[in-house]
Amino acid sequence: MAVISRQEVEHIARLSCLAFEPDELNRFTAQLNRILEYVARLEALDTSLAAPTSSVLGDRSTPLREDEPREGLTREEALEPAPAQEGGLFKVPRIIE
C-alpha cells in the first residue's frame, strides 16, 4: 500500500500555490492516506467476472442538458481571483527549466 508523507503533501501544496496550517497538513495527510488505502482495497477486488463496459449507462442516452450559448466571463472577471497575473494573463510558477 502506498503511503503519502507530510512532506509530499507540503510539496503538492506548494506546487498548487496553496498554504495550509500545520494541523491542516496533518489532517490532509491522514485523509489522503485513507483514500489510498481504499483505492488499494478496490484494486484487490476480483473483477474477472464483470463484463467490460465503456459506459455505466449501457444503451441508455446520456442525461445531459441541451447546450445553450450564454455570455462568458470578461478577461477582467476571469483574472480577478488569480493570485498572480501579468499582461492580462494568468501568471504561474515556472516548473520546467
PDB file of N, CA and C in Angstrom:
ATOM      1  N   MET A   1       0.846  -1.175   0.000  1.00  0.00           N
ATOM      2  CA  MET A   1       0.000   0.000   0.000  1.00  0.00           C
ATOM      3  C   MET A   1       0.894   1.241   0.000  1.00  0.00           C
ATOM      4  N   ALA A   2       0.573   2.178  -0.882  1.00  0.00           N
ATOM      5  CA  ALA A   2       1.321   3.430  -0.952  1.00  0.00           C
ATOM      6  C   ALA A   2       0.951   4.325   0.225  1.00  0.00           C
ATOM      7  N   VAL A   3       1.947   4.955   0.779  1.00  0.00           N
ATOM      8  CA  VAL A   3       1.714   5.891   1.878  1.00  0.00           C
ATOM      9  C   VAL A   3       2.279   7.238   1.444  1.00  0.00           C
ATOM     10  N   ILE A   4       1.515   8.284   1.665  1.00  0.00           N
ATOM     11  CA  ILE A   4       1.969   9.627   1.315  1.00  0.00           C
ATOM     12  C   ILE A   4       2.431  10.319   2.599  1.00  0.00           C
ATOM     13  N   SER A   5       3.586  10.939   2.528  1.00  0.00           N
ATOM     14  CA  SER A   5       4.153  11.590   3.717  1.00  0.00           C
ATOM     15  C   SER A   5       3.681  13.043   3.813  1.00  0.00           C
ATOM     16  N   ARG A   6       3.869  13.592   4.983  1.00  0.00           N
ATOM     17  CA  ARG A   6       3.515  15.007   5.188  1.00  0.00           C
ATOM     18  C   ARG A   6       4.351  15.891   4.264  1.00  0.00           C
ATOM     19  N   GLN A   7       5.616  15.508   4.056  1.00  0.00           N
ATOM     20  CA  GLN A   7       6.484  16.286   3.172  1.00  0.00           C
ATOM     21  C   GLN A   7       5.943  16.275   1.739  1.00  0.00           C
ATOM     22  N   GLU A   8       5.401  15.137   1.298  1.00  0.00           N
ATOM     23  CA  GLU A   8       4.823  15.071  -0.046  1.00  0.00           C
ATOM     24  C   GLU A   8       3.574  15.949  -0.149  1.00  0.00           C
ATOM     25  N   VAL A   9       2.770  15.971   0.900  1.00  0.00           N
ATOM     26  CA  VAL A   9       1.582  16.832   0.913  1.00  0.00           C
ATOM     27  C   VAL A   9       2.016  18.297   0.875  1.00  0.00           C
ATOM     28  N   GLU A  10       3.050  18.656   1.630  1.00  0.00           N
ATOM     29  CA  GLU A  10       3.572  20.028   1.599  1.00  0.00           C
ATOM     30  C   GLU A  10       4.067  20.384   0.202  1.00  0.00           C
ATOM     31  N   HIS A  11       4.755  19.443  -0.450  1.00  0.00           N
ATOM     32  CA  HIS A  11       5.279  19.669  -1.802  1.00  0.00           C
ATOM     33  C   HIS A  11       4.132  19.889  -2.790  1.00  0.00           C
ATOM     34  N   ILE A  12       3.113  19.046  -2.723  1.00  0.00           N
ATOM     35  CA  ILE A  12       1.950  19.189  -3.606  1.00  0.00           C
ATOM     36  C   ILE A  12       1.261  20.529  -3.353  1.00  0.00           C
ATOM     37  N   ALA A  13       1.152  20.918  -2.096  1.00  0.00           N
ATOM     38  CA  ALA A  13       0.530  22.202  -1.751  1.00  0.00           C
ATOM     39  C   ALA A  13       1.328  23.358  -2.350  1.00  0.00           C
ATOM     40  N   ARG A  14       2.659  23.298  -2.245  1.00  0.00           N
ATOM     41  CA  ARG A  14       3.498  24.359  -2.829  1.00  0.00           C
ATOM     42  C   ARG A  14       3.308  24.421  -4.337  1.00  0.00           C
ATOM     43  N   LEU A  15       3.308  23.268  -5.008  1.00  0.00           N
ATOM     44  CA  LEU A  15       3.111  23.244  -6.460  1.00  0.00           C
ATOM     45  C   LEU A  15       1.757  23.820  -6.845  1.00  0.00           C
ATOM     46  N   SER A  16       0.777  23.661  -5.968  1.00  0.00           N
ATOM     47  CA  SER A  16      -0.583  24.147  -6.222  1.00  0.00           C
ATOM     48  C   SER A  16      -0.792  25.569  -5.717  1.00  0.00           C
ATOM     49  N   CYS A  17       0.273  26.196  -5.202  1.00  0.00           N
ATOM     50  CA  CYS A  17       0.192  27.552  -4.624  1.00  0.00           C
ATOM     51  C   CYS A  17      -0.837  27.611  -3.508  1.00  0.00           C
ATOM     52  N   LEU A  18      -0.866  26.574  -2.666  1.00  0.00           N
ATOM     53  CA  LEU A  18      -1.768  26.524  -1.520  1.00  0.00           C
ATOM     54  C   LEU A  18      -0.949  26.610  -0.238  1.00  0.00           C
ATOM     55  N   ALA A  19      -1.502  27.266   0.752  1.00  0.00           N
ATOM     56  CA  ALA A  19      -0.841  27.372   2.054  1.00  0.00           C
ATOM     57  C   ALA A  19      -1.765  26.789   3.112  1.00  0.00           C
ATOM     58  N   PHE A  20      -1.233  25.901   3.933  1.00  0.00           N
ATOM     59  CA  PHE A  20      -2.022  25.252   4.974  1.00  0.00           C
ATOM     60  C   PHE A  20      -1.351  25.418   6.329  1.00  0.00           C
ATOM     61  N   GLU A  21      -2.158  25.435   7.351  1.00  0.00           N
ATOM     62  CA  GLU A  21      -1.659  25.436   8.723  1.00  0.00           C
ATOM     63  C   GLU A  21      -1.154  24.023   9.037  1.00  0.00           C
ATOM     64  N   PRO A  22      -0.260  23.875  10.017  1.00  0.00           N
ATOM     65  CA  PRO A  22       0.267  22.549  10.363  1.00  0.00           C
ATOM     66  C   PRO A  22      -0.820  21.515  10.676  1.00  0.00           C
ATOM     67  N   ASP A  23      -1.879  21.917  11.387  1.00  0.00           N
ATOM     68  CA  ASP A  23      -2.930  20.948  11.704  1.00  0.00           C
ATOM     69  C   ASP A  23      -3.693  20.528  10.448  1.00  0.00           C
ATOM     70  N   GLU A  24      -3.818  21.451   9.481  1.00  0.00           N
ATOM     71  CA  GLU A  24      -4.473  21.094   8.218  1.00  0.00           C
ATOM     72  C   GLU A  24      -3.621  20.096   7.440  1.00  0.00           C
ATOM     73  N   LEU A  25      -2.299  20.318   7.426  1.00  0.00           N
ATOM     74  CA  LEU A  25      -1.405  19.384   6.732  1.00  0.00           C
ATOM     75  C   LEU A  25      -1.505  17.995   7.339  1.00  0.00           C
ATOM     76  N   ASN A  26      -1.556  17.918   8.658  1.00  0.00           N
ATOM     77  CA  ASN A  26      -1.696  16.616   9.317  1.00  0.00           C
ATOM     78  C   ASN A  26      -3.015  15.956   8.924  1.00  0.00           C
ATOM     79  N   ARG A  27      -4.092  16.737   8.923  1.00  0.00           N
ATOM     80  CA  ARG A  27      -5.410  16.189   8.589  1.00  0.00           C
ATOM     81  C   ARG A  27      -5.447  15.731   7.127  1.00  0.00           C
ATOM     82  N   PHE A  28      -4.917  16.559   6.203  1.00  0.00           N
ATOM     83  CA  PHE A  28      -4.933  16.195   4.791  1.00  0.00           C
ATOM     84  C   PHE A  28      -4.053  14.975   4.525  1.00  0.00           C
ATOM     85  N   THR A  29      -2.929  14.879   5.207  1.00  0.00           N
ATOM     86  CA  THR A  29      -2.060  13.708   5.048  1.00  0.00           C
ATOM     87  C   THR A  29      -2.808  12.448   5.463  1.00  0.00           C
ATOM     88  N   ALA A  30      -3.486  12.498   6.594  1.00  0.00           N
ATOM     89  CA  ALA A  30      -4.260  11.340   7.063  1.00  0.00           C
ATOM     90  C   ALA A  30      -5.390  11.014   6.091  1.00  0.00           C
ATOM     91  N   GLN A  31      -6.080  12.033   5.589  1.00  0.00           N
ATOM     92  CA  GLN A  31      -7.183  11.798   4.653  1.00  0.00           C
ATOM     93  C   GLN A  31      -6.682  11.183   3.347  1.00  0.00           C
ATOM     94  N   LEU A  32      -5.578  11.709   2.824  1.00  0.00           N
ATOM     95  CA  LEU A  32      -5.029  11.155   1.582  1.00  0.00           C
ATOM     96  C   LEU A  32      -4.592   9.708   1.774  1.00  0.00           C
ATOM     97  N   ASN A  33      -4.026   9.391   2.924  1.00  0.00           N
ATOM     98  CA  ASN A  33      -3.625   8.009   3.186  1.00  0.00           C
ATOM     99  C   ASN A  33      -4.835   7.086   3.287  1.00  0.00           C
ATOM    100  N   ARG A  34      -5.940   7.570   3.864  1.00  0.00           N
ATOM    101  CA  ARG A  34      -7.161   6.751   3.904  1.00  0.00           C
ATOM    102  C   ARG A  34      -7.702   6.521   2.493  1.00  0.00           C
ATOM    103  N   ILE A  35      -7.629   7.543   1.650  1.00  0.00           N
ATOM    104  CA  ILE A  35      -8.082   7.401   0.263  1.00  0.00           C
ATOM    105  C   ILE A  35      -7.225   6.370  -0.464  1.00  0.00           C
ATOM    106  N   LEU A  36      -5.899   6.461  -0.302  1.00  0.00           N
ATOM    107  CA  LEU A  36      -5.005   5.499  -0.952  1.00  0.00           C
ATOM    108  C   LEU A  36      -5.250   4.083  -0.445  1.00  0.00           C
ATOM    109  N   GLU A  37      -5.541   3.955   0.842  1.00  0.00           N
ATOM    110  CA  GLU A  37      -5.854   2.650   1.424  1.00  0.00           C
ATOM    111  C   GLU A  37      -7.127   2.077   0.789  1.00  0.00           C
ATOM    112  N   TYR A  38      -8.127   2.919   0.607  1.00  0.00           N
ATOM    113  CA  TYR A  38      -9.384   2.486  -0.009  1.00  0.00           C
ATOM    114  C   TYR A  38      -9.155   2.083  -1.467  1.00  0.00           C
ATOM    115  N   VAL A  39      -8.360   2.849  -2.203  1.00  0.00           N
ATOM    116  CA  VAL A  39      -8.051   2.519  -3.598  1.00  0.00           C
ATOM    117  C   VAL A  39      -7.330   1.176  -3.668  1.00  0.00           C
ATOM    118  N   ALA A  40      -6.423   0.920  -2.740  1.00  0.00           N
ATOM    119  CA  ALA A  40      -5.721  -0.367  -2.709  1.00  0.00           C
ATOM    120  C   ALA A  40      -6.707  -1.508  -2.490  1.00  0.00           C
ATOM    121  N   ARG A  41      -7.708  -1.285  -1.633  1.00  0.00           N
ATOM    122  CA  ARG A  41      -8.735  -2.316  -1.416  1.00  0.00           C
ATOM    123  C   ARG A  41      -9.539  -2.546  -2.691  1.00  0.00           C
ATOM    124  N   LEU A  42      -9.860  -1.477  -3.410  1.00  0.00           N
ATOM    125  CA  LEU A  42     -10.603  -1.618  -4.667  1.00  0.00           C
ATOM    126  C   LEU A  42      -9.779  -2.374  -5.710  1.00  0.00           C
ATOM    127  N   GLU A  43      -8.483  -2.081  -5.761  1.00  0.00           N
ATOM    128  CA  GLU A  43      -7.613  -2.756  -6.724  1.00  0.00           C
ATOM    129  C   GLU A  43      -7.519  -4.255  -6.442  1.00  0.00           C
ATOM    130  N   ALA A  44      -7.715  -4.651  -5.200  1.00  0.00           N
ATOM    131  CA  ALA A  44      -7.610  -6.058  -4.819  1.00  0.00           C
ATOM    132  C   ALA A  44      -8.866  -6.856  -5.178  1.00  0.00           C
ATOM    133  N   LEU A  45      -9.943  -6.182  -5.559  1.00  0.00           N
ATOM    134  CA  LEU A  45     -11.185  -6.885  -5.893  1.00  0.00           C
ATOM    135  C   LEU A  45     -11.027  -7.727  -7.150  1.00  0.00           C
ATOM    136  N   ASP A  46     -11.665  -8.892  -7.151  1.00  0.00           N
ATOM    137  CA  ASP A  46     -11.675  -9.751  -8.332  1.00  0.00           C
ATOM    138  C   ASP A  46     -12.794  -9.278  -9.253  1.00  0.00           C
ATOM    139  N   THR A  47     -12.416  -8.703 -10.372  1.00  0.00           N
ATOM    140  CA  THR A  47     -13.407  -8.207 -11.331  1.00  0.00           C
ATOM    141  C   THR A  47     -13.432  -9.053 -12.601  1.00  0.00           C
ATOM    142  N   SER A  48     -12.867 -10.250 -12.531  1.00  0.00           N
ATOM    143  CA  SER A  48     -12.770 -11.085 -13.735  1.00  0.00           C
ATOM    144  C   SER A  48     -14.134 -11.482 -14.289  1.00  0.00           C
ATOM    145  N   LEU A  49     -15.168 -11.542 -13.448  1.00  0.00           N
ATOM    146  CA  LEU A  49     -16.497 -11.921 -13.928  1.00  0.00           C
ATOM    147  C   LEU A  49     -17.337 -10.719 -14.358  1.00  0.00           C
ATOM    148  N   ALA A  50     -16.835  -9.525 -14.160  1.00  0.00           N
ATOM    149  CA  ALA A  50     -17.577  -8.317 -14.552  1.00  0.00           C
ATOM    150  C   ALA A  50     -17.378  -8.062 -16.040  1.00  0.00           C
ATOM    151  N   ALA A  51     -18.476  -7.809 -16.731  1.00  0.00           N
ATOM    152  CA  ALA A  51     -18.400  -7.537 -18.170  1.00  0.00           C
ATOM    153  C   ALA A  51     -17.756  -6.171 -18.399  1.00  0.00           C
ATOM    154  N   PRO A  52     -16.862  -6.095 -19.389  1.00  0.00           N
ATOM    155  CA  PRO A  52     -16.262  -4.794 -19.695  1.00  0.00           C
ATOM    156  C   PRO A  52     -17.333  -3.820 -20.187  1.00  0.00           C
ATOM    157  N   THR A  53     -17.229  -2.591 -19.778  1.00  0.00           N
ATOM    158  CA  THR A  53     -18.180  -1.575 -20.225  1.00  0.00           C
ATOM    159  C   THR A  53     -17.430  -0.312 -20.610  1.00  0.00           C
ATOM    160  N   SER A  54     -18.006   0.410 -21.539  1.00  0.00           N
ATOM    161  CA  SER A  54     -17.436   1.711 -21.885  1.00  0.00           C
ATOM    162  C   SER A  54     -18.275   2.821 -21.275  1.00  0.00           C
ATOM    163  N   SER A  55     -19.472   2.451 -20.774  1.00  0.00           N
ATOM    164  CA  SER A  55     -20.355   3.427 -20.145  1.00  0.00           C
ATOM    165  C   SER A  55     -21.209   2.720 -19.107  1.00  0.00           C
ATOM    166  N   VAL A  56     -21.374   3.338 -17.966  1.00  0.00           N
ATOM    167  CA  VAL A  56     -22.218   2.745 -16.931  1.00  0.00           C
ATOM    168  C   VAL A  56     -23.691   2.859 -17.286  1.00  0.00           C
ATOM    169  N   LEU A  57     -24.009   3.653 -18.300  1.00  0.00           N
ATOM    170  CA  LEU A  57     -25.403   3.840 -18.695  1.00  0.00           C
ATOM    171  C   LEU A  57     -25.885   2.774 -19.676  1.00  0.00           C
ATOM    172  N   GLY A  58     -24.961   1.945 -20.171  1.00  0.00           N
ATOM    173  CA  GLY A  58     -25.367   0.926 -21.140  1.00  0.00           C
ATOM    174  C   GLY A  58     -25.838   1.573 -22.431  1.00  0.00           C
ATOM    175  N   ASP A  59     -27.002   1.133 -22.924  1.00  0.00           N
ATOM    176  CA  ASP A  59     -27.501   1.677 -24.190  1.00  0.00           C
ATOM    177  C   ASP A  59     -28.438   2.866 -23.989  1.00  0.00           C
ATOM    178  N   ARG A  60     -28.612   3.297 -22.752  1.00  0.00           N
ATOM    179  CA  ARG A  60     -29.466   4.459 -22.497  1.00  0.00           C
ATOM    180  C   ARG A  60     -28.745   5.733 -22.914  1.00  0.00           C
ATOM    181  N   SER A  61     -29.502   6.746 -23.235  1.00  0.00           N
ATOM    182  CA  SER A  61     -28.890   8.010 -23.630  1.00  0.00           C
ATOM    183  C   SER A  61     -28.332   8.729 -22.398  1.00  0.00           C
ATOM    184  N   THR A  62     -27.370   9.550 -22.641  1.00  0.00           N
ATOM    185  CA  THR A  62     -26.741  10.302 -21.568  1.00  0.00           C
ATOM    186  C   THR A  62     -27.666  11.426 -21.115  1.00  0.00           C
ATOM    187  N   PRO A  63     -27.947  11.501 -19.820  1.00  0.00           N
ATOM    188  CA  PRO A  63     -28.878  12.528 -19.332  1.00  0.00           C
ATOM    189  C   PRO A  63     -28.210  13.895 -19.180  1.00  0.00           C
ATOM    190  N   LEU A  64     -27.946  14.533 -20.307  1.00  0.00           N
ATOM    191  CA  LEU A  64     -27.309  15.843 -20.281  1.00  0.00           C
ATOM    192  C   LEU A  64     -28.300  16.919 -20.691  1.00  0.00           C
ATOM    193  N   ARG A  65     -28.041  18.107 -20.268  1.00  0.00           N
ATOM    194  CA  ARG A  65     -28.888  19.225 -20.677  1.00  0.00           C
ATOM    195  C   ARG A  65     -28.478  19.671 -22.076  1.00  0.00           C
ATOM    196  N   GLU A  66     -29.363  20.365 -22.733  1.00  0.00           N
ATOM    197  CA  GLU A  66     -29.052  20.922 -24.042  1.00  0.00           C
ATOM    198  C   GLU A  66     -28.033  22.050 -23.882  1.00  0.00           C
ATOM    199  N   ASP A  67     -27.152  22.175 -24.854  1.00  0.00           N
ATOM    200  CA  ASP A  67     -26.214  23.292 -24.843  1.00  0.00           C
ATOM    201  C   ASP A  67     -26.961  24.577 -25.147  1.00  0.00           C
ATOM    202  N   GLU A  68     -26.735  25.565 -24.327  1.00  0.00           N
ATOM    203  CA  GLU A  68     -27.359  26.867 -24.536  1.00  0.00           C
ATOM    204  C   GLU A  68     -26.268  27.927 -24.464  1.00  0.00           C
ATOM    205  N   PRO A  69     -26.030  28.634 -25.569  1.00  0.00           N
ATOM    206  CA  PRO A  69     -24.996  29.673 -25.536  1.00  0.00           C
ATOM    207  C   PRO A  69     -25.341  30.752 -24.520  1.00  0.00           C
ATOM    208  N   ARG A  70     -24.329  31.229 -23.826  1.00  0.00           N
ATOM    209  CA  ARG A  70     -24.528  32.328 -22.887  1.00  0.00           C
ATOM    210  C   ARG A  70     -23.224  33.105 -22.772  1.00  0.00           C
ATOM    211  N   GLU A  71     -23.341  34.281 -22.236  1.00  0.00           N
ATOM    212  CA  GLU A  71     -22.169  35.139 -22.081  1.00  0.00           C
ATOM    213  C   GLU A  71     -21.186  34.514 -21.094  1.00  0.00           C
ATOM    214  N   GLY A  72     -19.910  34.570 -21.431  1.00  0.00           N
ATOM    215  CA  GLY A  72     -18.878  34.080 -20.529  1.00  0.00           C
ATOM    216  C   GLY A  72     -18.321  35.220 -19.693  1.00  0.00           C
ATOM    217  N   LEU A  73     -17.281  34.926 -18.953  1.00  0.00           N
ATOM    218  CA  LEU A  73     -16.624  35.941 -18.135  1.00  0.00           C
ATOM    219  C   LEU A  73     -15.799  36.867 -19.015  1.00  0.00           C
ATOM    220  N   THR A  74     -15.700  38.111 -18.608  1.00  0.00           N
ATOM    221  CA  THR A  74     -14.757  39.009 -19.266  1.00  0.00           C
ATOM    222  C   THR A  74     -13.358  38.621 -18.798  1.00  0.00           C
ATOM    223  N   ARG A  75     -12.363  39.091 -19.498  1.00  0.00           N
ATOM    224  CA  ARG A  75     -10.986  38.794 -19.099  1.00  0.00           C
ATOM    225  C   ARG A  75     -10.728  39.283 -17.676  1.00  0.00           C
ATOM    226  N   GLU A  76     -11.232  40.471 -17.366  1.00  0.00           N
ATOM    227  CA  GLU A  76     -11.028  41.038 -16.029  1.00  0.00           C
ATOM    228  C   GLU A  76     -11.696  40.177 -14.957  1.00  0.00           C
ATOM    229  N   GLU A  77     -12.913  39.700 -15.235  1.00  0.00           N
ATOM    230  CA  GLU A  77     -13.623  38.859 -14.265  1.00  0.00           C
ATOM    231  C   GLU A  77     -12.892  37.536 -14.051  1.00  0.00           C
ATOM    232  N   ALA A  78     -12.352  36.974 -15.136  1.00  0.00           N
ATOM    233  CA  ALA A  78     -11.640  35.701 -15.030  1.00  0.00           C
ATOM    234  C   ALA A  78     -10.339  35.864 -14.249  1.00  0.00           C
ATOM    235  N   LEU A  79      -9.661  36.988 -14.445  1.00  0.00           N
ATOM    236  CA  LEU A  79      -8.371  37.208 -13.787  1.00  0.00           C
ATOM    237  C   LEU A  79      -8.495  37.710 -12.353  1.00  0.00           C
ATOM    238  N   GLU A  80      -9.668  38.209 -11.982  1.00  0.00           N
ATOM    239  CA  GLU A  80      -9.844  38.815 -10.658  1.00  0.00           C
ATOM    240  C   GLU A  80      -9.401  37.909  -9.502  1.00  0.00           C
ATOM    241  N   PRO A  81      -9.805  36.626  -9.447  1.00  0.00           N
ATOM    242  CA  PRO A  81      -9.399  35.803  -8.300  1.00  0.00           C
ATOM    243  C   PRO A  81      -7.988  35.228  -8.407  1.00  0.00           C
ATOM    244  N   ALA A  82      -7.300  35.475  -9.530  1.00  0.00           N
ATOM    245  CA  ALA A  82      -5.973  34.894  -9.736  1.00  0.00           C
ATOM    246  C   ALA A  82      -4.971  35.469  -8.739  1.00  0.00           C
ATOM    247  N   PRO A  83      -4.131  34.616  -8.131  1.00  0.00           N
ATOM    248  CA  PRO A  83      -3.132  35.117  -7.189  1.00  0.00           C
ATOM    249  C   PRO A  83      -2.056  35.958  -7.873  1.00  0.00           C
ATOM    250  N   ALA A  84      -1.813  35.693  -9.178  1.00  0.00           N
ATOM    251  CA  ALA A  84      -0.810  36.470  -9.915  1.00  0.00           C
ATOM    252  C   ALA A  84      -1.235  36.559 -11.376  1.00  0.00           C
ATOM    253  N   GLN A  85      -1.007  37.731 -11.963  1.00  0.00           N
ATOM    254  CA  GLN A  85      -1.327  37.937 -13.376  1.00  0.00           C
ATOM    255  C   GLN A  85      -0.314  38.900 -13.962  1.00  0.00           C
ATOM    256  N   GLU A  86      -0.140  38.795 -15.280  1.00  0.00           N
ATOM    257  CA  GLU A  86       0.821  39.667 -15.949  1.00  0.00           C
ATOM    258  C   GLU A  86       0.379  39.850 -17.387  1.00  0.00           C
ATOM    259  N   GLY A  87       0.253  41.082 -17.814  1.00  0.00           N
ATOM    260  CA  GLY A  87      -0.120  41.371 -19.196  1.00  0.00           C
ATOM    261  C   GLY A  87      -1.482  40.822 -19.577  1.00  0.00           C
ATOM    262  N   GLY A  88      -2.406  40.781 -18.638  1.00  0.00           N
ATOM    263  CA  GLY A  88      -3.741  40.275 -18.932  1.00  0.00           C
ATOM    264  C   GLY A  88      -3.828  38.760 -19.002  1.00  0.00           C
ATOM    265  N   LEU A  89      -2.809  38.069 -18.481  1.00  0.00           N
ATOM    266  CA  LEU A  89      -2.777  36.602 -18.496  1.00  0.00           C
ATOM    267  C   LEU A  89      -2.521  36.083 -17.083  1.00  0.00           C
ATOM    268  N   PHE A  90      -2.896  34.823 -16.832  1.00  0.00           N
ATOM    269  CA  PHE A  90      -2.576  34.180 -15.560  1.00  0.00           C
ATOM    270  C   PHE A  90      -1.073  33.970 -15.504  1.00  0.00           C
ATOM    271  N   LYS A  91      -0.469  34.290 -14.369  1.00  0.00           N
ATOM    272  CA  LYS A  91       0.964  34.054 -14.186  1.00  0.00           C
ATOM    273  C   LYS A  91       1.111  32.875 -13.239  1.00  0.00           C
ATOM    274  N   VAL A  92       1.839  31.858 -13.689  1.00  0.00           N
ATOM    275  CA  VAL A  92       2.027  30.645 -12.889  1.00  0.00           C
ATOM    276  C   VAL A  92       3.521  30.415 -12.671  1.00  0.00           C
ATOM    277  N   PRO A  93       3.877  29.690 -11.617  1.00  0.00           N
ATOM    278  CA  PRO A  93       5.296  29.426 -11.368  1.00  0.00           C
ATOM    279  C   PRO A  93       5.901  28.569 -12.481  1.00  0.00           C
ATOM    280  N   ARG A  94       7.141  28.862 -12.809  1.00  0.00           N
ATOM    281  CA  ARG A  94       7.859  28.055 -13.799  1.00  0.00           C
ATOM    282  C   ARG A  94       8.145  26.690 -13.177  1.00  0.00           C
ATOM    283  N   ILE A  95       7.810  25.625 -13.894  1.00  0.00           N
ATOM    284  CA  ILE A  95       8.090  24.286 -13.369  1.00  0.00           C
ATOM    285  C   ILE A  95       9.069  23.527 -14.253  1.00  0.00           C
ATOM    286  N   ILE A  96       9.286  24.006 -15.471  1.00  0.00           N
ATOM    287  CA  ILE A  96      10.241  23.367 -16.381  1.00  0.00           C
ATOM    288  C   ILE A  96      11.295  24.401 -16.742  1.00  0.00           C
ATOM    289  N   GLU A  97      12.532  24.034 -16.537  1.00  0.00           N
ATOM    290  CA  GLU A  97      13.638  24.955 -16.863  1.00  0.00           C
ATOM    291  C   GLU A  97      14.042  24.783 -18.295  1.00  0.00           C
TER     292      GLU A  97
END
